């Protein structure tokens, strides 16, 4: 059993603040993900928990016990590194048994533990082989087995799947999640890969520039990002984010197509709308969203956000859709990602693009005119200056 609690954890390397005032709790038996880009402070956080780095400020608790002054061995945690270092001159069996040698256990006890772990990870057939004969996935399992034989109360995993190819990563994601369910060992797992975070984590902590941005379930993080960074980092493709302004009109907002003005229908009690910068697109959001903007961001520059799956694209004109042009099509088998050109930035000359997800059977030509509509309930609005979500 193990719970982790970090209080105001800060670590600097010279003038660089690697982690800044981190507060985080990992529950017993939980599979917790720390997700963030390279340099976010993910590995430093793990190393402070493991005792491999001493924090400049803050406290680390394991099972309610302050462990700042404990050695790594006293903390009873297993650290699974990105690069699995196996002794090349030892067999897989000997590599698995190696962490048990200092415990002065009998050969029979060691043999029993090694074989149980090997059976759990389905590597019994590899026990007599040397590391240089193993595949990437097999090496991964042996590295995990070396951590498991110790029967730690806590696993710390630092991007353990990074060096595997896409197929093996997919297999090992499922493998690790299954082993966690079977062993119920509290696990804190670091990754920059949002697919790993979404598919493996009970909860996710998004980290950027040493600061925790948001903590929640994978779907909470995906559906309700608290700021522009989380919205743009979580999701593949990422959320569409475009600058916009909140404007008032004496009549319902219009989307100007090539042939005629098109109304995106909404509630008509309040005729304020979002105007996407450098486009002729105006969007009538809900009265609730309008009220949130009026309360928190009147006069401020805003950012409009919407996920690719919340944009509908069709070839037939509809009253709540606007005409756009197909810029790029990415067929991905189960679905397509279509880049829609909705305007042009006069400063850069670049097309303003919205990405949409469509069924694989929808295959317009590049340059073809199509019609686009939004799921109005799934529109996000952020403050451009602070980055915080408004609604």
Foldseek 3Di string as FASTA:
>chain_A
DKKKWWAQFWAADVPATQAGGDTDIFDQLFAEEEAEDPSLNQVVVLCCQLQVDQTPDTFMDMPNHTCNPPHSVVSQEFEQEQDQDFDQVAFLLCSLLVVVVVVPDDPVVSVVLSVVLCVLLVNPVRRGPGPVVDDLLSSLSSSVSSRPSSVGLEYEYENNCVPPDPVSSVVVLVSVQVVSVVSSRGYYYYDNDLVSQLSRGQKYFYTGSNYTQDIGGSVCLAQPPFFPVSQPRHDVNGKQKFKKDKAADPFAQWQQAPPGTAGQDDDGPGRIWIGTPQFSDTGDAYPVLVVLCVVPPVPFIKMKIFHQAFKDKFADDDRNWHKWFFADWAQDPQWIKTWTFGGADPVVRDTRTDIHIGGNVDDDDHGDIIIMHGPNVRMWMAGPPVRGTRD
